[in-house]
Amino acid sequence: IKFITPVRLTLKYTCIVLYKCLNKNIPS
């Protein structure tokens, strides 16, 4: 059970980073 939370946090952080990178690379 202790293992699930870090994994979810990591996935959430990865999604945020990918989203920011995509926003930076795509001109609005």
C-alpha atoms as a PDB file:
ATOM      1  CA  ILE A   1       0.000   0.000   0.000  1.00  0.00           C
ATOM      2  CA  LYS A   2       2.884   2.366   0.776  1.00  0.00           C
ATOM      3  CA  PHE A   3       4.187   1.701  -2.736  1.00  0.00           C
ATOM      4  CA  ILE A   4       1.081   2.895  -4.593  1.00  0.00           C
ATOM      5  CA  THR A   5       1.176   6.520  -3.473  1.00  0.00           C
ATOM      6  CA  PRO A   6       4.724   7.330  -4.694  1.00  0.00           C
ATOM      7  CA  VAL A   7       3.888   5.750  -8.039  1.00  0.00           C
ATOM      8  CA  ARG A   8       0.772   7.877  -8.444  1.00  0.00           C
ATOM      9  CA  LEU A   9       2.694  10.998  -7.443  1.00  0.00           C
ATOM     10  CA  THR A  10       5.410  10.157  -9.950  1.00  0.00           C
ATOM     11  CA  LEU A  11       2.874   9.649 -12.734  1.00  0.00           C
ATOM     12  CA  LYS A  12       1.190  12.925 -11.859  1.00  0.00           C
ATOM     13  CA  TYR A  13       4.522  14.763 -11.845  1.00  0.00           C
ATOM     14  CA  THR A  14       5.489  13.210 -15.178  1.00  0.00           C
ATOM     15  CA  CYS A  15       2.200  14.313 -16.730  1.00  0.00           C
ATOM     16  CA  ILE A  16       2.755  17.876 -15.487  1.00  0.00           C
ATOM     17  CA  VAL A  17       6.298  17.975 -16.868  1.00  0.00           C
ATOM     18  CA  LEU A  18       5.202  16.578 -20.236  1.00  0.00           C
ATOM     19  CA  TYR A  19       2.349  19.075 -20.420  1.00  0.00           C
ATOM     20  CA  LYS A  20       4.685  22.002 -19.694  1.00  0.00           C
ATOM     21  CA  CYS A  21       7.214  20.757 -22.256  1.00  0.00           C
ATOM     22  CA  LEU A  22       4.503  20.447 -24.903  1.00  0.00           C
ATOM     23  CA  ASN A  23       3.231  23.931 -24.126  1.00  0.00           C
ATOM     24  CA  LYS A  24       6.744  25.340 -24.407  1.00  0.00           C
ATOM     25  CA  ASN A  25       7.473  23.583 -27.718  1.00  0.00           C
ATOM     26  CA  ILE A  26       4.160  24.405 -29.391  1.00  0.00           C
ATOM     27  CA  PRO A  27       3.814  28.114 -30.266  1.00  0.00           C
ATOM     28  CA  SER A  28       0.392  29.426 -29.323  1.00  0.00           C
END
